[in-house]
C-alpha atoms as a PDB file:
ATOM      1  CA  UNK A   1      99.489 119.521 137.071  1.00  0.00           C
ATOM      2  CA  UNK A   2     102.140 122.141 138.192  1.00  0.00           C
ATOM      3  CA  UNK A   3     101.398 125.842 135.923  1.00  0.00           C
ATOM      4  CA  UNK A   4     102.835 128.742 135.739  1.00  0.00           C
ATOM      5  CA  UNK A   5     100.552 130.681 134.528  1.00  0.00           C
ATOM      6  CA  UNK A   6      96.985 131.627 135.256  1.00  0.00           C
ATOM      7  CA  UNK A   7      94.370 128.295 135.042  1.00  0.00           C
ATOM      8  CA  UNK A   8      93.868 126.848 130.954  1.00  0.00           C
ATOM      9  CA  UNK A   9      90.507 128.525 130.193  1.00  0.00           C
ATOM     10  CA  UNK A  10      91.797 131.601 130.841  1.00  0.00           C
ATOM     11  CA  UNK A  11      95.045 131.579 128.293  1.00  0.00           C
ATOM     12  CA  UNK A  12      94.885 132.604 124.755  1.00  0.00           C
ATOM     13  CA  UNK A  13      96.044 130.289 122.405  1.00  0.00           C
ATOM     14  CA  UNK A  14      99.330 129.936 120.956  1.00  0.00           C
ATOM     15  CA  UNK A  15     100.462 128.752 118.068  1.00  0.00           C
ATOM     16  CA  UNK A  16     102.684 126.096 119.282  1.00  0.00           C
ATOM     17  CA  UNK A  17     102.500 123.289 121.845  1.00  0.00           C
ATOM     18  CA  UNK A  18     105.578 121.921 122.674  1.00  0.00           C
ATOM     19  CA  UNK A  19     105.453 118.644 124.101  1.00  0.00           C
ATOM     20  CA  UNK A  20     108.899 117.771 125.774  1.00  0.00           C
ATOM     21  CA  UNK A  21     108.896 113.839 127.525  1.00  0.00           C
ATOM     22  CA  UNK A  22     111.108 113.292 130.472  1.00  0.00           C
ATOM     23  CA  UNK A  23     112.331 109.931 132.338  1.00  0.00           C
ATOM     24  CA  UNK A  24     115.174 110.672 134.400  1.00  0.00           C
ATOM     25  CA  UNK A  25     116.883 112.951 133.052  1.00  0.00           C
ATOM     26  CA  UNK A  26     118.329 115.482 135.411  1.00  0.00           C
ATOM     27  CA  UNK A  27     122.398 116.318 134.181  1.00  0.00           C
ATOM     28  CA  UNK A  28     120.526 117.122 130.908  1.00  0.00           C
ATOM     29  CA  UNK A  29     117.856 118.975 130.946  1.00  0.00           C
ATOM     30  CA  UNK A  30     119.307 122.297 131.035  1.00  0.00           C
ATOM     31  CA  UNK A  31     120.381 122.353 127.833  1.00  0.00           C
ATOM     32  CA  UNK A  32     116.811 121.096 126.356  1.00  0.00           C
ATOM     33  CA  UNK A  33     114.301 123.926 128.348  1.00  0.00           C
ATOM     34  CA  UNK A  34     116.200 126.528 127.589  1.00  0.00           C
ATOM     35  CA  UNK A  35     117.019 126.320 124.208  1.00  0.00           C
ATOM     36  CA  UNK A  36     112.871 126.210 124.055  1.00  0.00           C
ATOM     37  CA  UNK A  37     112.591 129.046 126.230  1.00  0.00           C
ATOM     38  CA  UNK A  38     115.355 131.631 124.656  1.00  0.00           C
ATOM     39  CA  UNK A  39     112.790 130.994 120.844  1.00  0.00           C
ATOM     40  CA  UNK A  40     112.630 134.031 118.426  1.00  0.00           C
ATOM     41  CA  UNK A  41     109.461 132.978 118.157  1.00  0.00           C
ATOM     42  CA  UNK A  42     107.298 133.504 121.017  1.00  0.00           C
ATOM     43  CA  UNK A  43     104.064 132.710 120.801  1.00  0.00           C
ATOM     44  CA  UNK A  44     103.980 128.636 122.332  1.00  0.00           C
ATOM     45  CA  UNK A  45     103.149 126.539 125.328  1.00  0.00           C
ATOM     46  CA  UNK A  46     105.368 123.831 126.800  1.00  0.00           C
ATOM     47  CA  UNK A  47     103.897 121.156 128.260  1.00  0.00           C
ATOM     48  CA  UNK A  48     106.731 118.748 129.850  1.00  0.00           C
ATOM     49  CA  UNK A  49     105.787 115.636 130.730  1.00  0.00           C
ATOM     50  CA  UNK A  50     107.713 113.765 133.587  1.00  0.00           C
ATOM     51  CA  UNK A  51     107.019 110.350 133.773  1.00  0.00           C
ATOM     52  CA  UNK A  52     107.429 109.079 137.127  1.00  0.00           C
ATOM     53  CA  UNK A  53     111.590 110.222 136.957  1.00  0.00           C
ATOM     54  CA  UNK A  54     113.408 108.354 139.955  1.00  0.00           C
ATOM     55  CA  UNK A  55     116.375 111.067 139.650  1.00  0.00           C
ATOM     56  CA  UNK A  56     116.212 114.796 140.716  1.00  0.00           C
ATOM     57  CA  UNK A  57     114.533 115.443 136.803  1.00  0.00           C
ATOM     58  CA  UNK A  58     111.167 116.614 138.554  1.00  0.00           C
ATOM     59  CA  UNK A  59     112.615 119.445 140.216  1.00  0.00           C
ATOM     60  CA  UNK A  60     114.597 120.219 137.731  1.00  0.00           C
ATOM     61  CA  UNK A  61     111.864 120.778 135.589  1.00  0.00           C
ATOM     62  CA  UNK A  62     110.112 122.801 138.172  1.00  0.00           C
ATOM     63  CA  UNK A  63     113.455 125.137 138.608  1.00  0.00           C
ATOM     64  CA  UNK A  64     114.620 125.543 134.785  1.00  0.00           C
ATOM     65  CA  UNK A  65     110.543 126.711 133.519  1.00  0.00           C
ATOM     66  CA  UNK A  66     109.274 129.037 136.958  1.00  0.00           C
ATOM     67  CA  UNK A  67     108.483 132.083 136.516  1.00  0.00           C
ATOM     68  CA  UNK A  68     108.471 131.338 133.179  1.00  0.00           C
ATOM     69  CA  UNK A  69     103.713 130.935 132.255  1.00  0.00           C
ATOM     70  CA  UNK A  70     104.199 129.610 129.226  1.00  0.00           C
ATOM     71  CA  UNK A  71     105.096 126.738 130.832  1.00  0.00           C
ATOM     72  CA  UNK A  72     102.947 123.364 131.782  1.00  0.00           C
ATOM     73  CA  UNK A  73     104.965 120.988 134.193  1.00  0.00           C
ATOM     74  CA  UNK A  74     102.786 117.240 134.178  1.00  0.00           C
ATOM     75  CA  UNK A  75     103.647 115.325 136.248  1.00  0.00           C
ATOM     76  CA  UNK A  76     102.283 111.098 135.818  1.00  0.00           C
ATOM     77  CA  UNK A  77     103.369 107.622 136.837  1.00  0.00           C
ATOM     78  CA  UNK A  78     105.912 106.057 134.942  1.00  0.00           C
ATOM     79  CA  UNK A  79     104.166 104.841 131.640  1.00  0.00           C
ATOM     80  CA  UNK A  80     106.362 105.271 129.276  1.00  0.00           C
ATOM     81  CA  UNK A  81     107.446 108.204 125.995  1.00  0.00           C
ATOM     82  CA  UNK A  82     104.383 106.894 124.226  1.00  0.00           C
ATOM     83  CA  UNK A  83     102.027 107.486 127.055  1.00  0.00           C
ATOM     84  CA  UNK A  84     103.852 110.594 128.040  1.00  0.00           C
ATOM     85  CA  UNK A  85     103.036 112.098 124.664  1.00  0.00           C
ATOM     86  CA  UNK A  86      99.479 110.876 124.994  1.00  0.00           C
ATOM     87  CA  UNK A  87      99.089 113.202 127.636  1.00  0.00           C
ATOM     88  CA  UNK A  88     100.741 116.280 126.229  1.00  0.00           C
ATOM     89  CA  UNK A  89      98.877 116.346 123.888  1.00  0.00           C
ATOM     90  CA  UNK A  90      95.846 115.641 125.674  1.00  0.00           C
ATOM     91  CA  UNK A  91      96.378 119.378 126.584  1.00  0.00           C
ATOM     92  CA  UNK A  92      97.814 120.823 124.320  1.00  0.00           C
ATOM     93  CA  UNK A  93      95.510 124.338 122.512  1.00  0.00           C
ATOM     94  CA  UNK A  94      97.537 125.323 119.442  1.00  0.00           C
ATOM     95  CA  UNK A  95      97.027 125.289 116.143  1.00  0.00           C
ATOM     96  CA  UNK A  96     100.813 122.968 115.954  1.00  0.00           C
ATOM     97  CA  UNK A  97     102.342 121.053 117.731  1.00  0.00           C
ATOM     98  CA  UNK A  98     105.651 119.616 117.791  1.00  0.00           C
ATOM     99  CA  UNK A  99     107.940 117.083 119.546  1.00  0.00           C
ATOM    100  CA  UNK A 100     110.968 117.853 122.297  1.00  0.00           C
ATOM    101  CA  UNK A 101     112.498 114.518 124.034  1.00  0.00           C
ATOM    102  CA  UNK A 102     114.027 115.997 126.965  1.00  0.00           C
ATOM    103  CA  UNK A 103     117.973 115.518 126.068  1.00  0.00           C
ATOM    104  CA  UNK A 104     118.053 117.712 123.316  1.00  0.00           C
ATOM    105  CA  UNK A 105     118.050 120.499 122.180  1.00  0.00           C
ATOM    106  CA  UNK A 106     116.501 123.388 119.460  1.00  0.00           C
ATOM    107  CA  UNK A 107     118.599 125.978 117.008  1.00  0.00           C
ATOM    108  CA  UNK A 108     117.150 129.745 118.476  1.00  0.00           C
ATOM    109  CA  UNK A 109     114.778 130.016 115.226  1.00  0.00           C
ATOM    110  CA  UNK A 110     113.756 126.324 115.320  1.00  0.00           C
ATOM    111  CA  UNK A 111     110.077 127.920 116.115  1.00  0.00           C
ATOM    112  CA  UNK A 112     110.334 130.670 113.599  1.00  0.00           C
ATOM    113  CA  UNK A 113     111.419 128.622 110.594  1.00  0.00           C
ATOM    114  CA  UNK A 114     109.152 125.778 111.421  1.00  0.00           C
ATOM    115  CA  UNK A 115     105.981 127.834 111.690  1.00  0.00           C
ATOM    116  CA  UNK A 116     107.282 130.184 108.461  1.00  0.00           C
ATOM    117  CA  UNK A 117     107.360 127.591 105.959  1.00  0.00           C
ATOM    118  CA  UNK A 118     103.609 125.415 107.563  1.00  0.00           C
ATOM    119  CA  UNK A 119     101.422 128.817 106.518  1.00  0.00           C
ATOM    120  CA  UNK A 120     103.765 129.657 103.393  1.00  0.00           C
ATOM    121  CA  UNK A 121     101.860 129.508  99.876  1.00  0.00           C
ATOM    122  CA  UNK A 122      98.406 128.565 101.503  1.00  0.00           C
ATOM    123  CA  UNK A 123      99.051 126.319 104.516  1.00  0.00           C
ATOM    124  CA  UNK A 124     100.179 121.987 104.433  1.00  0.00           C
ATOM    125  CA  UNK A 125     100.238 119.844 107.381  1.00  0.00           C
ATOM    126  CA  UNK A 126     103.784 118.951 107.838  1.00  0.00           C
ATOM    127  CA  UNK A 127     107.346 120.188 107.349  1.00  0.00           C
ATOM    128  CA  UNK A 128     110.486 117.984 107.897  1.00  0.00           C
ATOM    129  CA  UNK A 129     113.680 119.000 108.478  1.00  0.00           C
ATOM    130  CA  UNK A 130     117.369 118.264 108.759  1.00  0.00           C
ATOM    131  CA  UNK A 131     118.790 117.645 112.155  1.00  0.00           C
ATOM    132  CA  UNK A 132     122.209 117.702 113.758  1.00  0.00           C
ATOM    133  CA  UNK A 133     123.571 113.996 115.249  1.00  0.00           C
ATOM    134  CA  UNK A 134     125.379 115.485 118.713  1.00  0.00           C
ATOM    135  CA  UNK A 135     128.469 112.425 119.396  1.00  0.00           C
ATOM    136  CA  UNK A 136     131.117 112.565 121.902  1.00  0.00           C
ATOM    137  CA  UNK A 137     133.200 113.367 119.674  1.00  0.00           C
ATOM    138  CA  UNK A 138     131.636 115.365 116.613  1.00  0.00           C
ATOM    139  CA  UNK A 139     128.887 116.551 115.660  1.00  0.00           C
ATOM    140  CA  UNK A 140     127.358 116.056 112.143  1.00  0.00           C
ATOM    141  CA  UNK A 141     124.158 117.061 110.320  1.00  0.00           C
ATOM    142  CA  UNK A 142     122.204 114.497 108.705  1.00  0.00           C
ATOM    143  CA  UNK A 143     120.230 115.416 105.488  1.00  0.00           C
ATOM    144  CA  UNK A 144     116.635 113.932 104.698  1.00  0.00           C
ATOM    145  CA  UNK A 145     117.082 111.563 101.447  1.00  0.00           C
ATOM    146  CA  UNK A 146     113.499 112.705 100.474  1.00  0.00           C
ATOM    147  CA  UNK A 147     113.755 116.431 100.035  1.00  0.00           C
ATOM    148  CA  UNK A 148     110.415 117.010  97.505  1.00  0.00           C
ATOM    149  CA  UNK A 149     106.816 117.918  98.908  1.00  0.00           C
ATOM    150  CA  UNK A 150     104.378 115.159  99.032  1.00  0.00           C
ATOM    151  CA  UNK A 151     100.537 114.610  99.495  1.00  0.00           C
ATOM    152  CA  UNK A 152      98.172 111.621  99.347  1.00  0.00           C
ATOM    153  CA  UNK A 153     100.026 108.557 100.630  1.00  0.00           C
ATOM    154  CA  UNK A 154     103.810 109.868  99.667  1.00  0.00           C
ATOM    155  CA  UNK A 155     104.267 110.484 103.655  1.00  0.00           C
ATOM    156  CA  UNK A 156     103.234 106.807 104.207  1.00  0.00           C
ATOM    157  CA  UNK A 157     105.974 105.709 101.631  1.00  0.00           C
ATOM    158  CA  UNK A 158     108.840 107.541 102.802  1.00  0.00           C
ATOM    159  CA  UNK A 159     108.099 107.008 106.969  1.00  0.00           C
ATOM    160  CA  UNK A 160     107.238 102.937 106.043  1.00  0.00           C
ATOM    161  CA  UNK A 161     110.621 102.555 103.603  1.00  0.00           C
ATOM    162  CA  UNK A 162     112.870 104.979 105.311  1.00  0.00           C
ATOM    163  CA  UNK A 163     112.798 108.251 102.909  1.00  0.00           C
ATOM    164  CA  UNK A 164     112.361 110.326 105.990  1.00  0.00           C
ATOM    165  CA  UNK A 165     113.002 110.213 109.828  1.00  0.00           C
ATOM    166  CA  UNK A 166     110.277 108.138 111.326  1.00  0.00           C
ATOM    167  CA  UNK A 167     111.113 110.428 114.417  1.00  0.00           C
ATOM    168  CA  UNK A 168     108.784 112.766 115.291  1.00  0.00           C
ATOM    169  CA  UNK A 169     110.684 115.244 116.497  1.00  0.00           C
ATOM    170  CA  UNK A 170     112.468 117.144 113.990  1.00  0.00           C
ATOM    171  CA  UNK A 171     109.180 117.596 112.339  1.00  0.00           C
ATOM    172  CA  UNK A 172     106.359 120.424 112.997  1.00  0.00           C
ATOM    173  CA  UNK A 173     102.671 118.676 112.702  1.00  0.00           C
ATOM    174  CA  UNK A 174      99.110 121.020 112.292  1.00  0.00           C
ATOM    175  CA  UNK A 175      97.278 119.510 115.641  1.00  0.00           C
ATOM    176  CA  UNK A 176      93.926 118.464 114.407  1.00  0.00           C
ATOM    177  CA  UNK A 177      96.137 115.391 113.170  1.00  0.00           C
ATOM    178  CA  UNK A 178      96.580 114.267 115.875  1.00  0.00           C
ATOM    179  CA  UNK A 179      92.464 114.604 116.657  1.00  0.00           C
ATOM    180  CA  UNK A 180      89.731 111.364 116.103  1.00  0.00           C
ATOM    181  CA  UNK A 181      90.700 108.258 116.853  1.00  0.00           C
ATOM    182  CA  UNK A 182      95.252 108.149 117.043  1.00  0.00           C
ATOM    183  CA  UNK A 183      96.096 105.540 119.042  1.00  0.00           C
ATOM    184  CA  UNK A 184      99.882 105.434 121.103  1.00  0.00           C
ATOM    185  CA  UNK A 185     101.281 102.349 121.049  1.00  0.00           C
ATOM    186  CA  UNK A 186     103.721 102.464 124.005  1.00  0.00           C
ATOM    187  CA  UNK A 187     106.110 100.088 122.506  1.00  0.00           C
ATOM    188  CA  UNK A 188     109.666  99.776 123.493  1.00  0.00           C
ATOM    189  CA  UNK A 189     111.284 101.743 119.939  1.00  0.00           C
ATOM    190  CA  UNK A 190     109.261 102.460 116.890  1.00  0.00           C
ATOM    191  CA  UNK A 191     106.505 104.484 119.070  1.00  0.00           C
ATOM    192  CA  UNK A 192     107.566 107.564 116.644  1.00  0.00           C
ATOM    193  CA  UNK A 193     107.153 105.322 113.115  1.00  0.00           C
ATOM    194  CA  UNK A 194     103.474 103.714 114.356  1.00  0.00           C
ATOM    195  CA  UNK A 195     102.552 107.571 115.070  1.00  0.00           C
ATOM    196  CA  UNK A 196     103.553 107.790 111.979  1.00  0.00           C
ATOM    197  CA  UNK A 197     101.960 105.844 109.253  1.00  0.00           C
ATOM    198  CA  UNK A 198      98.679 106.805 111.250  1.00  0.00           C
ATOM    199  CA  UNK A 199      99.009 110.258 110.499  1.00  0.00           C
ATOM    200  CA  UNK A 200     100.108 109.704 106.946  1.00  0.00           C
ATOM    201  CA  UNK A 201      97.475 106.815 105.942  1.00  0.00           C
ATOM    202  CA  UNK A 202      95.242 110.377 106.697  1.00  0.00           C
ATOM    203  CA  UNK A 203      96.734 111.748 103.289  1.00  0.00           C
ATOM    204  CA  UNK A 204      98.629 114.360 104.593  1.00  0.00           C
ATOM    205  CA  UNK A 205     100.081 117.200 103.155  1.00  0.00           C
ATOM    206  CA  UNK A 206     104.078 117.843 103.341  1.00  0.00           C
ATOM    207  CA  UNK A 207     107.389 120.489 102.651  1.00  0.00           C
ATOM    208  CA  UNK A 208     110.342 119.972 103.777  1.00  0.00           C
ATOM    209  CA  UNK A 209     113.224 122.524 104.280  1.00  0.00           C
ATOM    210  CA  UNK A 210     116.731 122.811 104.153  1.00  0.00           C
ATOM    211  CA  UNK A 211     117.217 123.404 107.515  1.00  0.00           C
ATOM    212  CA  UNK A 212     119.409 121.817 111.020  1.00  0.00           C
ATOM    213  CA  UNK A 213     117.826 122.760 113.687  1.00  0.00           C
ATOM    214  CA  UNK A 214     117.171 120.077 116.239  1.00  0.00           C
ATOM    215  CA  UNK A 215     120.436 118.522 117.485  1.00  0.00           C
ATOM    216  CA  UNK A 216     119.852 115.036 117.872  1.00  0.00           C
ATOM    217  CA  UNK A 217     122.270 113.635 121.372  1.00  0.00           C
ATOM    218  CA  UNK A 218     123.386 110.457 120.637  1.00  0.00           C
ATOM    219  CA  UNK A 219     124.434 108.869 124.855  1.00  0.00           C
ATOM    220  CA  UNK A 220     125.284 106.051 126.573  1.00  0.00           C
ATOM    221  CA  UNK A 221     121.471 104.004 127.969  1.00  0.00           C
ATOM    222  CA  UNK A 222     119.315 106.038 125.510  1.00  0.00           C
ATOM    223  CA  UNK A 223     116.627 103.552 124.176  1.00  0.00           C
ATOM    224  CA  UNK A 224     117.994 103.465 120.167  1.00  0.00           C
ATOM    225  CA  UNK A 225     120.934 101.939 121.559  1.00  0.00           C
ATOM    226  CA  UNK A 226     118.939  98.711 123.779  1.00  0.00           C
ATOM    227  CA  UNK A 227     118.395  95.623 122.782  1.00  0.00           C
ATOM    228  CA  UNK A 228     116.264  94.685 119.719  1.00  0.00           C
ATOM    229  CA  UNK A 229     115.032  91.513 120.053  1.00  0.00           C
ATOM    230  CA  UNK A 230     112.967  88.965 117.970  1.00  0.00           C
ATOM    231  CA  UNK A 231     109.064  89.054 120.173  1.00  0.00           C
ATOM    232  CA  UNK A 232     110.085  93.119 119.598  1.00  0.00           C
ATOM    233  CA  UNK A 233     110.025  92.181 115.767  1.00  0.00           C
ATOM    234  CA  UNK A 234     106.852  90.516 115.553  1.00  0.00           C
ATOM    235  CA  UNK A 235     104.721  92.892 118.338  1.00  0.00           C
ATOM    236  CA  UNK A 236     105.952  96.151 115.805  1.00  0.00           C
ATOM    237  CA  UNK A 237     104.533  94.065 112.629  1.00  0.00           C
ATOM    238  CA  UNK A 238     101.102  93.017 114.448  1.00  0.00           C
ATOM    239  CA  UNK A 239     100.721  96.800 115.892  1.00  0.00           C
ATOM    240  CA  UNK A 240     101.217  97.979 111.729  1.00  0.00           C
ATOM    241  CA  UNK A 241      98.872  95.376 110.897  1.00  0.00           C
ATOM    242  CA  UNK A 242      96.151  96.978 113.281  1.00  0.00           C
ATOM    243  CA  UNK A 243      96.847 100.145 112.359  1.00  0.00           C
ATOM    244  CA  UNK A 244      96.754  99.125 108.137  1.00  0.00           C
ATOM    245  CA  UNK A 245      93.599  97.223 109.588  1.00  0.00           C
ATOM    246  CA  UNK A 246      91.650 100.294 111.045  1.00  0.00           C
ATOM    247  CA  UNK A 247      92.708 102.119 108.220  1.00  0.00           C
ATOM    248  CA  UNK A 248      92.371  99.984 105.027  1.00  0.00           C
ATOM    249  CA  UNK A 249      89.613 101.865 103.477  1.00  0.00           C
ATOM    250  CA  UNK A 250      91.888 104.882 102.658  1.00  0.00           C
ATOM    251  CA  UNK A 251      94.963 102.378 101.577  1.00  0.00           C
ATOM    252  CA  UNK A 252      92.864 100.526  99.403  1.00  0.00           C
ATOM    253  CA  UNK A 253      94.848 100.190  95.429  1.00  0.00           C
ATOM    254  CA  UNK A 254      98.358 102.247  97.158  1.00  0.00           C
ATOM    255  CA  UNK A 255     101.661 100.320  97.631  1.00  0.00           C
ATOM    256  CA  UNK A 256     100.407  99.557 101.420  1.00  0.00           C
ATOM    257  CA  UNK A 257     101.581  96.103 101.179  1.00  0.00           C
ATOM    258  CA  UNK A 258     105.608  97.183 100.023  1.00  0.00           C
ATOM    259  CA  UNK A 259     105.432  99.618 102.510  1.00  0.00           C
ATOM    260  CA  UNK A 260     104.445  96.804 105.031  1.00  0.00           C
ATOM    261  CA  UNK A 261     106.976  94.761 104.557  1.00  0.00           C
ATOM    262  CA  UNK A 262     110.204  96.727 103.722  1.00  0.00           C
ATOM    263  CA  UNK A 263     109.718  98.120 107.332  1.00  0.00           C
ATOM    264  CA  UNK A 264     109.084  94.844 108.925  1.00  0.00           C
ATOM    265  CA  UNK A 265     112.453  93.514 106.545  1.00  0.00           C
ATOM    266  CA  UNK A 266     114.354  96.916 108.359  1.00  0.00           C
ATOM    267  CA  UNK A 267     113.661  95.414 111.782  1.00  0.00           C
ATOM    268  CA  UNK A 268     113.786  91.901 111.239  1.00  0.00           C
ATOM    269  CA  UNK A 269     117.301  92.868 109.444  1.00  0.00           C
ATOM    270  CA  UNK A 270     117.895  94.666 112.528  1.00  0.00           C
ATOM    271  CA  UNK A 271     117.561  91.717 114.860  1.00  0.00           C
ATOM    272  CA  UNK A 272     119.703  89.236 112.654  1.00  0.00           C
ATOM    273  CA  UNK A 273     122.391  91.914 112.207  1.00  0.00           C
ATOM    274  CA  UNK A 274     123.385  91.415 116.127  1.00  0.00           C
ATOM    275  CA  UNK A 275     125.203  88.448 116.201  1.00  0.00           C
ATOM    276  CA  UNK A 276     124.367  87.592 119.636  1.00  0.00           C
ATOM    277  CA  UNK A 277     121.141  87.357 118.829  1.00  0.00           C
ATOM    278  CA  UNK A 278     119.611  83.425 118.702  1.00  0.00           C
ATOM    279  CA  UNK A 279     118.620  82.362 115.252  1.00  0.00           C
ATOM    280  CA  UNK A 280     114.921  82.181 114.500  1.00  0.00           C
ATOM    281  CA  UNK A 281     114.389  81.847 110.368  1.00  0.00           C
ATOM    282  CA  UNK A 282     112.486  78.926 110.672  1.00  0.00           C
ATOM    283  CA  UNK A 283     109.520  80.842 113.034  1.00  0.00           C
ATOM    284  CA  UNK A 284     106.319  81.015 110.712  1.00  0.00           C
ATOM    285  CA  UNK A 285     106.323  85.263 111.099  1.00  0.00           C
ATOM    286  CA  UNK A 286     109.974  84.716 109.341  1.00  0.00           C
ATOM    287  CA  UNK A 287     108.552  82.420 107.190  1.00  0.00           C
ATOM    288  CA  UNK A 288     105.908  84.783 105.949  1.00  0.00           C
ATOM    289  CA  UNK A 289     108.266  87.631 105.774  1.00  0.00           C
ATOM    290  CA  UNK A 290     110.562  85.688 103.342  1.00  0.00           C
ATOM    291  CA  UNK A 291     107.247  85.203 101.275  1.00  0.00           C
ATOM    292  CA  UNK A 292     105.663  88.284 101.700  1.00  0.00           C
ATOM    293  CA  UNK A 293     109.710  89.657 100.456  1.00  0.00           C
ATOM    294  CA  UNK A 294     109.780  86.994  97.399  1.00  0.00           C
ATOM    295  CA  UNK A 295     106.349  88.982  96.323  1.00  0.00           C
ATOM    296  CA  UNK A 296     108.186  92.223  96.571  1.00  0.00           C
ATOM    297  CA  UNK A 297     111.821  90.662  95.465  1.00  0.00           C
ATOM    298  CA  UNK A 298     112.376  93.187  92.813  1.00  0.00           C
ATOM    299  CA  UNK A 299     111.197  96.841  94.553  1.00  0.00           C
ATOM    300  CA  UNK A 300     113.319  95.221  97.284  1.00  0.00           C
ATOM    301  CA  UNK A 301     116.058  96.366  96.014  1.00  0.00           C
ATOM    302  CA  UNK A 302     115.659  99.840  95.421  1.00  0.00           C
ATOM    303  CA  UNK A 303     115.716  99.801  99.385  1.00  0.00           C
ATOM    304  CA  UNK A 304     118.050  97.490 100.836  1.00  0.00           C
ATOM    305  CA  UNK A 305     122.121  97.236 100.038  1.00  0.00           C
ATOM    306  CA  UNK A 306     122.635  93.487  98.078  1.00  0.00           C
ATOM    307  CA  UNK A 307     124.819  92.405 101.526  1.00  0.00           C
ATOM    308  CA  UNK A 308     121.161  92.451 103.701  1.00  0.00           C
ATOM    309  CA  UNK A 309     119.814  91.230 101.168  1.00  0.00           C
ATOM    310  CA  UNK A 310     121.842  89.067 100.732  1.00  0.00           C
ATOM    311  CA  UNK A 311     122.482  87.985 105.035  1.00  0.00           C
ATOM    312  CA  UNK A 312     117.770  87.704 105.000  1.00  0.00           C
ATOM    313  CA  UNK A 313     118.141  85.196 102.259  1.00  0.00           C
ATOM    314  CA  UNK A 314     121.325  83.475 104.300  1.00  0.00           C
ATOM    315  CA  UNK A 315     119.003  83.255 107.500  1.00  0.00           C
ATOM    316  CA  UNK A 316     116.664  80.396 106.224  1.00  0.00           C
ATOM    317  CA  UNK A 317     119.102  77.593 107.016  1.00  0.00           C
ATOM    318  CA  UNK A 318     120.890  77.731 110.609  1.00  0.00           C
ATOM    319  CA  UNK A 319     123.770  76.121 108.935  1.00  0.00           C
ATOM    320  CA  UNK A 320     124.439  79.200 106.939  1.00  0.00           C
ATOM    321  CA  UNK A 321     124.597  81.336 110.548  1.00  0.00           C
ATOM    322  CA  UNK A 322     128.001  81.361 110.281  1.00  0.00           C
ATOM    323  CA  UNK A 323     128.622  82.699 106.689  1.00  0.00           C
ATOM    324  CA  UNK A 324     125.753  85.614 108.341  1.00  0.00           C
ATOM    325  CA  UNK A 325     128.422  86.744 110.690  1.00  0.00           C
ATOM    326  CA  UNK A 326     131.145  87.254 108.387  1.00  0.00           C
ATOM    327  CA  UNK A 327     128.732  89.371 105.808  1.00  0.00           C
ATOM    328  CA  UNK A 328     127.899  91.535 109.548  1.00  0.00           C
ATOM    329  CA  UNK A 329     131.207  91.278 110.679  1.00  0.00           C
ATOM    330  CA  UNK A 330     132.189  92.926 106.996  1.00  0.00           C
ATOM    331  CA  UNK A 331     130.013  95.035 106.854  1.00  0.00           C
ATOM    332  CA  UNK A 332     130.538  96.614 110.375  1.00  0.00           C
ATOM    333  CA  UNK A 333     134.188  97.422 109.576  1.00  0.00           C
ATOM    334  CA  UNK A 334     133.232  98.990 106.595  1.00  0.00           C
ATOM    335  CA  UNK A 335     130.843 101.344 108.456  1.00  0.00           C
ATOM    336  CA  UNK A 336     133.727 101.951 110.976  1.00  0.00           C
ATOM    337  CA  UNK A 337     135.952 102.872 107.818  1.00  0.00           C
ATOM    338  CA  UNK A 338     134.236 105.389 106.257  1.00  0.00           C
ATOM    339  CA  UNK A 339     133.017 107.415 109.422  1.00  0.00           C
ATOM    340  CA  UNK A 340     136.470 106.957 110.261  1.00  0.00           C
ATOM    341  CA  UNK A 341     137.256 108.932 106.610  1.00  0.00           C
ATOM    342  CA  UNK A 342     134.368 111.536 106.773  1.00  0.00           C
ATOM    343  CA  UNK A 343     135.146 112.676 110.266  1.00  0.00           C
END
């Protein structure tokens, strides 16, 4: 482990531990790390994990953090973002922890605003804010749909039904939420949601602030734009089932079954949204999902459009695949038109 400061055991614990995973982001690190160095709230440590980058990311991290004792540089072998975050959390000493991807950056008062919010009115466990989507041709603030404070299993419902963004970034967490058996699933996508689901099972107190301090870069080649496979949908659902099984006593009598169905259906609709993906409507996993959706049919109308549910209904028959593709095309045209009118 590299460090720019005195040994860990001789350093005072900071208020916030910032976790920054990096993999092959040499050309994006300057705005990210400089935005952390320039925070108006200075009582933090930043743990930058180089996840076995093949480019010059590690050298760039060392250059950008040289001389600043708040930064710890942690080189590891390539094991994926979930394991990189896990390695950083093992080193974290702050009362609170937040996450920043290596190609994104913060506004100068991000930490100041988030720490003030988590400590006001007797304190809470998680603070969520809005964020700014940064594309090649525009920037747009994305506001959370759910903005009322939450307690109990309310956070579970909102994370799994996408009432709030299921990302780890853009939030500030009490560090103790990550203690005691939290499992980091090394999934290609959706790792943040799986961690948030586990945290939500602990019934945290959650506060929302009307503030956008996180800049989320949309770039070609990032994981969010990668192809969504059917096997991934099935494996992801198995991970959720594992979490629910380990937390069965906490979830008894809740809306957990509905939340699980909504979440699984969201990913599968994402799969059939790609017209190039092969038809899998007769797979036993999809048949079970269809049965679960039938049990919650009325409630699903709150979370999915008529077009999405119609696509899912048509997907049961291979012969209806052309109709599904037609619906997909119409939805893409509509989405494109709305975006053009907005910008």
